[in-house]
Amino acid sequence: MTYDGDDAVKVEIKISKDYEEDLAIIKTSKLTPEIEDAIDYLKNITKSDVIAVRKNDHITVLNPDEIYMIKSKNKKIKVYTENKEYDINKRLYELENSLDDDFIRISKSTIVNIRKIDYIAPSLKGMMFIALKNGLKDNISRNYLREFKNKIGMS
């Protein structure tokens, strides 16, 4: 599908069920303020402004900055805030894709908000130990350690 007007930017859209994720490619002769605005818009449309979670029969809407940790536990996804624990009916990878750059996966089962880290220390067998400001603790597995270190500027 191609859209264009007299002086408008040409837009080409390809839709296929074969694509695993959305990807926007911008081809331009120069980076204009309008193109920068489009880039900012595209970067932010997939990120969640709020996350709906559940505790018993109540649904609570959280801002992502309230979230300290998201953890898969006993085949359920738990969302931890400063002093509460909630359930959510999404898969961990879905949440990971919808959260902003403040969040990073530290193991197969855990995502943390890097702004909520209290400290990081060495742990067993090449892993690192992470403690969050609300007292939650977990291990950063070796498979995720390099990306984690890059994200927080430890590399």
N, C-alpha and C. Protein backbone atom coordinates (compact mmCIF):
# COMPACT_ATOMS: atom_id res chain seq x y z
N MET A 1 0.84 -1.16 0.00
CA MET A 1 0.00 0.00 0.00
C MET A 1 0.90 1.24 0.00
N THR A 2 0.70 2.17 -0.88
CA THR A 2 1.51 3.38 -0.94
C THR A 2 0.60 4.59 -0.92
N TYR A 3 0.97 5.57 -0.10
CA TYR A 3 0.22 6.83 -0.02
C TYR A 3 1.16 7.95 -0.40
N ASP A 4 0.71 8.87 -1.20
CA ASP A 4 1.49 10.08 -1.45
C ASP A 4 0.55 11.17 -1.97
N GLY A 5 0.96 12.37 -1.70
CA GLY A 5 0.22 13.54 -2.18
C GLY A 5 1.17 14.39 -2.99
N ASP A 6 0.75 15.60 -3.33
CA ASP A 6 1.59 16.48 -4.14
C ASP A 6 2.94 16.74 -3.47
N ASP A 7 2.93 17.30 -2.26
CA ASP A 7 4.16 17.61 -1.55
C ASP A 7 4.35 16.74 -0.30
N ALA A 8 3.47 15.76 -0.13
CA ALA A 8 3.51 14.95 1.08
C ALA A 8 4.63 13.91 1.00
N VAL A 9 4.99 13.44 2.16
CA VAL A 9 5.96 12.35 2.25
C VAL A 9 5.28 11.08 1.76
N LYS A 10 5.96 10.31 0.97
CA LYS A 10 5.41 9.04 0.51
C LYS A 10 5.47 8.04 1.66
N VAL A 11 4.39 7.31 1.84
CA VAL A 11 4.32 6.32 2.90
C VAL A 11 3.99 4.97 2.28
N GLU A 12 4.79 3.97 2.60
CA GLU A 12 4.55 2.62 2.10
C GLU A 12 4.33 1.71 3.29
N ILE A 13 3.25 0.94 3.25
CA ILE A 13 2.92 0.03 4.35
C ILE A 13 2.84 -1.38 3.81
N LYS A 14 3.53 -2.32 4.47
CA LYS A 14 3.46 -3.73 4.11
C LYS A 14 2.88 -4.47 5.30
N ILE A 15 1.79 -5.17 5.10
CA ILE A 15 1.13 -5.92 6.17
C ILE A 15 1.22 -7.40 5.85
N SER A 16 1.72 -8.17 6.80
CA SER A 16 1.84 -9.61 6.61
C SER A 16 1.79 -10.31 7.96
N LYS A 17 1.13 -11.43 8.00
CA LYS A 17 1.08 -12.22 9.23
C LYS A 17 2.42 -12.91 9.49
N ASP A 18 3.33 -12.86 8.51
CA ASP A 18 4.65 -13.47 8.67
C ASP A 18 5.56 -12.65 9.57
N TYR A 19 5.26 -11.38 9.78
CA TYR A 19 6.10 -10.52 10.62
C TYR A 19 5.87 -10.85 12.08
N GLU A 20 6.96 -11.07 12.82
CA GLU A 20 6.85 -11.37 14.23
C GLU A 20 6.68 -10.11 15.07
N GLU A 21 7.18 -8.98 14.58
CA GLU A 21 7.04 -7.72 15.30
C GLU A 21 6.92 -6.57 14.32
N ASP A 22 6.41 -5.45 14.80
CA ASP A 22 6.28 -4.28 13.95
C ASP A 22 7.64 -3.63 13.77
N LEU A 23 7.90 -3.13 12.57
CA LEU A 23 9.15 -2.46 12.26
C LEU A 23 8.86 -1.31 11.32
N ALA A 24 9.30 -0.12 11.68
CA ALA A 24 9.13 1.04 10.81
C ALA A 24 10.50 1.43 10.27
N ILE A 25 10.61 1.55 8.96
CA ILE A 25 11.86 1.98 8.31
C ILE A 25 11.58 3.33 7.67
N ILE A 26 12.41 4.30 7.98
CA ILE A 26 12.26 5.64 7.42
C ILE A 26 13.46 5.90 6.51
N LYS A 27 13.19 6.22 5.26
CA LYS A 27 14.25 6.57 4.32
C LYS A 27 14.08 8.05 4.00
N THR A 28 15.12 8.82 4.23
CA THR A 28 15.02 10.27 4.04
C THR A 28 16.36 10.84 3.56
N SER A 29 16.29 11.94 2.85
CA SER A 29 17.51 12.59 2.39
C SER A 29 18.12 13.47 3.49
N LYS A 30 17.30 13.88 4.46
CA LYS A 30 17.80 14.66 5.60
C LYS A 30 16.87 14.49 6.79
N LEU A 31 17.43 14.64 7.97
CA LEU A 31 16.67 14.49 9.20
C LEU A 31 16.03 15.84 9.55
N THR A 32 14.74 15.93 9.33
CA THR A 32 14.01 17.18 9.60
C THR A 32 13.31 17.08 10.94
N PRO A 33 12.86 18.19 11.50
CA PRO A 33 12.10 18.14 12.75
C PRO A 33 10.85 17.26 12.62
N GLU A 34 10.22 17.26 11.45
CA GLU A 34 9.04 16.44 11.25
C GLU A 34 9.38 14.94 11.30
N ILE A 35 10.52 14.59 10.69
CA ILE A 35 10.96 13.19 10.72
C ILE A 35 11.32 12.80 12.15
N GLU A 36 11.99 13.68 12.89
CA GLU A 36 12.32 13.41 14.29
C GLU A 36 11.05 13.21 15.11
N ASP A 37 10.01 14.03 14.86
CA ASP A 37 8.73 13.87 15.56
C ASP A 37 8.11 12.51 15.25
N ALA A 38 8.19 12.11 13.98
CA ALA A 38 7.64 10.81 13.58
C ALA A 38 8.38 9.68 14.27
N ILE A 39 9.70 9.80 14.37
CA ILE A 39 10.51 8.78 15.05
C ILE A 39 10.11 8.69 16.52
N ASP A 40 10.02 9.85 17.19
CA ASP A 40 9.62 9.86 18.60
C ASP A 40 8.24 9.23 18.79
N TYR A 41 7.32 9.57 17.90
CA TYR A 41 5.98 9.01 17.98
C TYR A 41 6.00 7.49 17.83
N LEU A 42 6.72 7.00 16.82
CA LEU A 42 6.78 5.57 16.57
C LEU A 42 7.45 4.82 17.72
N LYS A 43 8.46 5.41 18.33
CA LYS A 43 9.14 4.77 19.45
C LYS A 43 8.20 4.60 20.64
N ASN A 44 7.29 5.53 20.80
CA ASN A 44 6.45 5.53 22.00
C ASN A 44 5.10 4.88 21.84
N ILE A 45 4.66 4.57 20.64
CA ILE A 45 3.31 4.01 20.51
C ILE A 45 3.19 2.60 21.05
N THR A 46 4.28 1.87 21.10
CA THR A 46 4.20 0.50 21.61
C THR A 46 4.43 0.43 23.11
N LYS A 47 4.85 1.48 23.72
CA LYS A 47 5.13 1.46 25.14
C LYS A 47 3.86 1.77 25.93
N SER A 48 3.68 1.05 27.02
CA SER A 48 2.47 1.22 27.81
C SER A 48 2.56 2.47 28.68
N ASP A 49 1.46 3.23 28.67
CA ASP A 49 1.37 4.36 29.59
C ASP A 49 0.91 3.88 30.96
N VAL A 50 0.11 2.82 30.97
CA VAL A 50 -0.38 2.24 32.22
C VAL A 50 -0.41 0.72 32.07
N ILE A 51 -0.39 0.04 33.21
CA ILE A 51 -0.46 -1.41 33.25
C ILE A 51 -1.61 -1.78 34.18
N ALA A 52 -2.57 -2.54 33.68
CA ALA A 52 -3.70 -2.99 34.50
C ALA A 52 -3.31 -4.31 35.17
N VAL A 53 -3.43 -4.33 36.49
CA VAL A 53 -3.08 -5.51 37.28
C VAL A 53 -4.26 -5.88 38.16
N ARG A 54 -4.18 -7.06 38.77
CA ARG A 54 -5.30 -7.56 39.56
C ARG A 54 -4.81 -8.03 40.93
N LYS A 55 -5.62 -7.76 41.93
CA LYS A 55 -5.39 -8.31 43.27
C LYS A 55 -6.76 -8.72 43.78
N ASN A 56 -6.95 -10.02 43.97
CA ASN A 56 -8.26 -10.58 44.30
C ASN A 56 -9.26 -10.20 43.22
N ASP A 57 -10.32 -9.51 43.56
CA ASP A 57 -11.34 -9.12 42.58
C ASP A 57 -11.17 -7.68 42.11
N HIS A 58 -10.13 -7.01 42.55
CA HIS A 58 -9.94 -5.60 42.22
C HIS A 58 -8.92 -5.45 41.10
N ILE A 59 -9.20 -4.52 40.20
CA ILE A 59 -8.25 -4.17 39.14
C ILE A 59 -7.65 -2.82 39.49
N THR A 60 -6.34 -2.74 39.43
CA THR A 60 -5.61 -1.51 39.72
C THR A 60 -4.83 -1.13 38.48
N VAL A 61 -4.77 0.16 38.19
CA VAL A 61 -4.00 0.65 37.06
C VAL A 61 -2.73 1.29 37.60
N LEU A 62 -1.58 0.76 37.17
CA LEU A 62 -0.28 1.24 37.64
C LEU A 62 0.42 2.02 36.53
N ASN A 63 1.15 3.05 36.92
CA ASN A 63 2.09 3.68 36.01
C ASN A 63 3.34 2.81 36.02
N PRO A 64 4.01 2.63 34.89
CA PRO A 64 5.20 1.79 34.89
C PRO A 64 6.25 2.20 35.93
N ASP A 65 6.35 3.50 36.24
CA ASP A 65 7.36 3.92 37.22
C ASP A 65 7.04 3.47 38.65
N GLU A 66 5.85 2.93 38.88
CA GLU A 66 5.49 2.37 40.19
C GLU A 66 5.97 0.93 40.33
N ILE A 67 6.33 0.32 39.22
CA ILE A 67 6.69 -1.10 39.21
C ILE A 67 8.17 -1.27 39.53
N TYR A 68 8.46 -2.16 40.47
CA TYR A 68 9.83 -2.48 40.85
C TYR A 68 10.31 -3.73 40.11
N MET A 69 9.45 -4.77 40.10
CA MET A 69 9.85 -6.05 39.53
C MET A 69 8.62 -6.76 38.96
N ILE A 70 8.86 -7.53 37.90
CA ILE A 70 7.84 -8.41 37.33
C ILE A 70 8.47 -9.79 37.27
N LYS A 71 7.77 -10.77 37.83
CA LYS A 71 8.38 -12.09 37.97
C LYS A 71 7.38 -13.19 37.65
N SER A 72 7.85 -14.18 36.91
CA SER A 72 7.07 -15.38 36.66
C SER A 72 7.29 -16.32 37.83
N LYS A 73 6.19 -16.68 38.49
CA LYS A 73 6.29 -17.48 39.70
C LYS A 73 5.15 -18.50 39.71
N ASN A 74 5.47 -19.76 39.70
CA ASN A 74 4.46 -20.82 39.68
C ASN A 74 3.48 -20.66 38.51
N LYS A 75 4.01 -20.39 37.33
CA LYS A 75 3.24 -20.22 36.10
C LYS A 75 2.28 -19.04 36.13
N LYS A 76 2.50 -18.11 37.05
CA LYS A 76 1.73 -16.87 37.11
C LYS A 76 2.70 -15.70 37.06
N ILE A 77 2.23 -14.58 36.50
CA ILE A 77 3.07 -13.40 36.43
C ILE A 77 2.67 -12.47 37.59
N LYS A 78 3.66 -12.11 38.39
CA LYS A 78 3.47 -11.24 39.54
C LYS A 78 4.12 -9.89 39.24
N VAL A 79 3.43 -8.82 39.61
CA VAL A 79 3.95 -7.46 39.47
C VAL A 79 4.12 -6.90 40.88
N TYR A 80 5.33 -6.43 41.17
CA TYR A 80 5.65 -5.93 42.51
C TYR A 80 5.87 -4.42 42.47
N THR A 81 5.19 -3.72 43.38
CA THR A 81 5.40 -2.29 43.54
C THR A 81 6.17 -2.08 44.84
N GLU A 82 6.16 -0.88 45.36
CA GLU A 82 6.94 -0.61 46.58
C GLU A 82 6.58 -1.55 47.72
N ASN A 83 5.27 -1.79 47.93
CA ASN A 83 4.90 -2.67 49.03
C ASN A 83 3.69 -3.56 48.73
N LYS A 84 3.39 -3.76 47.45
CA LYS A 84 2.26 -4.61 47.08
C LYS A 84 2.65 -5.58 45.98
N GLU A 85 1.88 -6.66 45.88
CA GLU A 85 2.07 -7.68 44.87
C GLU A 85 0.75 -7.87 44.13
N TYR A 86 0.82 -7.89 42.80
CA TYR A 86 -0.37 -8.03 41.96
C TYR A 86 -0.17 -9.17 40.97
N ASP A 87 -1.28 -9.63 40.40
CA ASP A 87 -1.26 -10.60 39.31
C ASP A 87 -1.56 -9.86 38.01
N ILE A 88 -1.10 -10.42 36.91
CA ILE A 88 -1.41 -9.86 35.60
C ILE A 88 -1.58 -11.01 34.61
N ASN A 89 -2.52 -10.85 33.70
CA ASN A 89 -2.82 -11.90 32.72
C ASN A 89 -2.09 -11.66 31.41
N LYS A 90 -0.82 -11.43 31.47
CA LYS A 90 0.01 -11.30 30.27
C LYS A 90 1.22 -12.18 30.45
N ARG A 91 1.85 -12.48 29.36
CA ARG A 91 3.10 -13.25 29.41
C ARG A 91 4.26 -12.28 29.65
N LEU A 92 5.32 -12.81 30.20
CA LEU A 92 6.47 -11.97 30.54
C LEU A 92 7.03 -11.25 29.31
N TYR A 93 7.14 -11.95 28.19
CA TYR A 93 7.69 -11.32 26.98
C TYR A 93 6.78 -10.21 26.46
N GLU A 94 5.46 -10.34 26.65
CA GLU A 94 4.54 -9.28 26.23
C GLU A 94 4.76 -8.02 27.07
N LEU A 95 4.93 -8.21 28.35
CA LEU A 95 5.21 -7.07 29.23
C LEU A 95 6.55 -6.44 28.90
N GLU A 96 7.55 -7.28 28.67
CA GLU A 96 8.88 -6.79 28.34
C GLU A 96 8.83 -5.90 27.09
N ASN A 97 8.06 -6.30 26.10
CA ASN A 97 7.95 -5.52 24.86
C ASN A 97 7.13 -4.25 25.02
N SER A 98 6.28 -4.20 26.02
CA SER A 98 5.43 -3.02 26.18
C SER A 98 5.99 -2.00 27.16
N LEU A 99 7.04 -2.36 27.89
CA LEU A 99 7.61 -1.45 28.88
C LEU A 99 8.72 -0.59 28.26
N ASP A 100 9.00 0.53 28.89
CA ASP A 100 10.01 1.44 28.35
C ASP A 100 11.43 0.99 28.71
N ASP A 101 12.39 1.81 28.38
CA ASP A 101 13.81 1.47 28.55
C ASP A 101 14.28 1.41 30.00
N ASP A 102 13.42 1.76 30.95
CA ASP A 102 13.80 1.65 32.36
C ASP A 102 13.76 0.21 32.84
N PHE A 103 13.20 -0.69 32.04
CA PHE A 103 13.03 -2.08 32.44
C PHE A 103 13.97 -2.97 31.64
N ILE A 104 14.50 -3.99 32.34
CA ILE A 104 15.38 -4.95 31.69
C ILE A 104 15.18 -6.33 32.30
N ARG A 105 15.27 -7.32 31.45
CA ARG A 105 15.17 -8.71 31.92
C ARG A 105 16.50 -9.09 32.54
N ILE A 106 16.44 -9.74 33.71
CA ILE A 106 17.66 -10.18 34.39
C ILE A 106 17.76 -11.69 34.46
N SER A 107 16.68 -12.38 34.08
CA SER A 107 16.68 -13.84 34.03
C SER A 107 15.49 -14.29 33.20
N LYS A 108 15.36 -15.58 32.98
CA LYS A 108 14.21 -16.08 32.21
C LYS A 108 12.90 -15.69 32.87
N SER A 109 12.91 -15.52 34.17
CA SER A 109 11.66 -15.31 34.90
C SER A 109 11.48 -13.92 35.49
N THR A 110 12.43 -12.99 35.28
CA THR A 110 12.36 -11.71 35.99
C THR A 110 12.74 -10.51 35.13
N ILE A 111 11.94 -9.46 35.27
CA ILE A 111 12.22 -8.14 34.69
C ILE A 111 12.26 -7.15 35.85
N VAL A 112 13.24 -6.24 35.83
CA VAL A 112 13.32 -5.23 36.89
C VAL A 112 13.34 -3.82 36.30
N ASN A 113 12.92 -2.88 37.13
CA ASN A 113 13.00 -1.47 36.81
C ASN A 113 14.36 -0.98 37.30
N ILE A 114 15.23 -0.57 36.38
CA ILE A 114 16.59 -0.18 36.78
C ILE A 114 16.61 1.05 37.67
N ARG A 115 15.55 1.86 37.64
CA ARG A 115 15.48 3.04 38.50
C ARG A 115 15.18 2.68 39.95
N LYS A 116 14.83 1.43 40.20
CA LYS A 116 14.47 0.99 41.55
C LYS A 116 15.57 0.13 42.18
N ILE A 117 16.75 0.06 41.55
CA ILE A 117 17.85 -0.74 42.08
C ILE A 117 18.48 -0.04 43.28
N ASP A 118 18.66 -0.79 44.37
CA ASP A 118 19.36 -0.29 45.54
C ASP A 118 20.85 -0.59 45.39
N TYR A 119 21.19 -1.87 45.17
CA TYR A 119 22.59 -2.23 44.94
C TYR A 119 22.69 -3.54 44.18
N ILE A 120 23.90 -3.79 43.66
CA ILE A 120 24.22 -5.00 42.91
C ILE A 120 25.49 -5.57 43.52
N ALA A 121 25.55 -6.89 43.70
CA ALA A 121 26.73 -7.52 44.29
C ALA A 121 27.00 -8.85 43.60
N PRO A 122 28.26 -9.33 43.65
CA PRO A 122 28.57 -10.63 43.07
C PRO A 122 27.80 -11.73 43.80
N SER A 123 27.47 -12.78 43.05
CA SER A 123 26.77 -13.92 43.61
C SER A 123 27.49 -15.19 43.20
N LEU A 124 26.86 -16.32 43.31
CA LEU A 124 27.48 -17.61 43.00
C LEU A 124 27.59 -17.87 41.51
N LYS A 125 28.57 -18.62 41.11
CA LYS A 125 28.76 -19.15 39.76
C LYS A 125 28.63 -18.10 38.66
N GLY A 126 29.26 -16.97 38.83
CA GLY A 126 29.31 -15.95 37.80
C GLY A 126 28.08 -15.08 37.68
N MET A 127 27.13 -15.26 38.58
CA MET A 127 25.93 -14.43 38.55
C MET A 127 26.13 -13.20 39.43
N MET A 128 25.23 -12.27 39.28
CA MET A 128 25.22 -11.08 40.14
C MET A 128 23.91 -11.09 40.92
N PHE A 129 23.96 -10.50 42.08
CA PHE A 129 22.83 -10.40 42.98
C PHE A 129 22.31 -8.97 42.90
N ILE A 130 20.98 -8.79 42.83
CA ILE A 130 20.41 -7.46 42.75
C ILE A 130 19.42 -7.27 43.90
N ALA A 131 19.50 -6.11 44.53
CA ALA A 131 18.54 -5.74 45.59
C ALA A 131 17.85 -4.46 45.16
N LEU A 132 16.53 -4.45 45.26
CA LEU A 132 15.76 -3.27 44.90
C LEU A 132 15.46 -2.43 46.14
N LYS A 133 15.08 -1.20 45.93
CA LYS A 133 14.85 -0.25 47.03
C LYS A 133 13.70 -0.64 47.94
N ASN A 134 12.83 -1.56 47.48
CA ASN A 134 11.73 -2.01 48.33
C ASN A 134 12.05 -3.30 49.07
N GLY A 135 13.30 -3.78 48.95
CA GLY A 135 13.73 -4.98 49.66
C GLY A 135 13.68 -6.25 48.84
N LEU A 136 13.08 -6.23 47.66
CA LEU A 136 13.06 -7.41 46.80
C LEU A 136 14.47 -7.72 46.32
N LYS A 137 14.75 -9.02 46.20
CA LYS A 137 16.09 -9.45 45.78
C LYS A 137 15.95 -10.56 44.73
N ASP A 138 16.93 -10.64 43.85
CA ASP A 138 16.94 -11.70 42.83
C ASP A 138 18.35 -11.80 42.27
N ASN A 139 18.57 -12.81 41.47
CA ASN A 139 19.86 -13.00 40.81
C ASN A 139 19.77 -12.57 39.35
N ILE A 140 20.84 -11.99 38.85
CA ILE A 140 20.96 -11.69 37.43
C ILE A 140 21.71 -12.87 36.84
N SER A 141 21.07 -13.61 35.96
CA SER A 141 21.72 -14.81 35.43
C SER A 141 22.82 -14.42 34.44
N ARG A 142 23.75 -15.34 34.25
CA ARG A 142 24.88 -15.10 33.33
C ARG A 142 24.41 -14.76 31.93
N ASN A 143 23.31 -15.38 31.48
CA ASN A 143 22.81 -15.13 30.12
C ASN A 143 22.35 -13.69 29.91
N TYR A 144 21.98 -13.00 30.96
CA TYR A 144 21.47 -11.64 30.85
C TYR A 144 22.44 -10.60 31.42
N LEU A 145 23.54 -11.05 31.97
CA LEU A 145 24.46 -10.15 32.68
C LEU A 145 25.12 -9.12 31.77
N ARG A 146 25.57 -9.52 30.58
CA ARG A 146 26.25 -8.58 29.68
C ARG A 146 25.30 -7.44 29.28
N GLU A 147 24.08 -7.79 28.87
CA GLU A 147 23.11 -6.76 28.48
C GLU A 147 22.77 -5.85 29.67
N PHE A 148 22.65 -6.45 30.85
CA PHE A 148 22.36 -5.68 32.05
C PHE A 148 23.49 -4.68 32.34
N LYS A 149 24.73 -5.15 32.29
CA LYS A 149 25.87 -4.28 32.54
C LYS A 149 25.93 -3.13 31.52
N ASN A 150 25.67 -3.44 30.26
CA ASN A 150 25.65 -2.39 29.23
C ASN A 150 24.56 -1.37 29.53
N LYS A 151 23.40 -1.84 29.94
CA LYS A 151 22.25 -0.97 30.18
C LYS A 151 22.54 0.03 31.30
N ILE A 152 23.22 -0.43 32.35
CA ILE A 152 23.47 0.48 33.47
C ILE A 152 24.85 1.12 33.42
N GLY A 153 25.60 0.87 32.35
CA GLY A 153 26.89 1.52 32.17
C GLY A 153 28.04 0.89 32.94
N MET A 154 27.95 -0.41 33.21
CA MET A 154 29.03 -1.11 33.95
C MET A 154 30.03 -1.78 33.03
N SER A 155 29.80 -1.76 31.72
CA SER A 155 30.68 -2.51 30.83
C SER A 155 31.96 -1.79 30.52
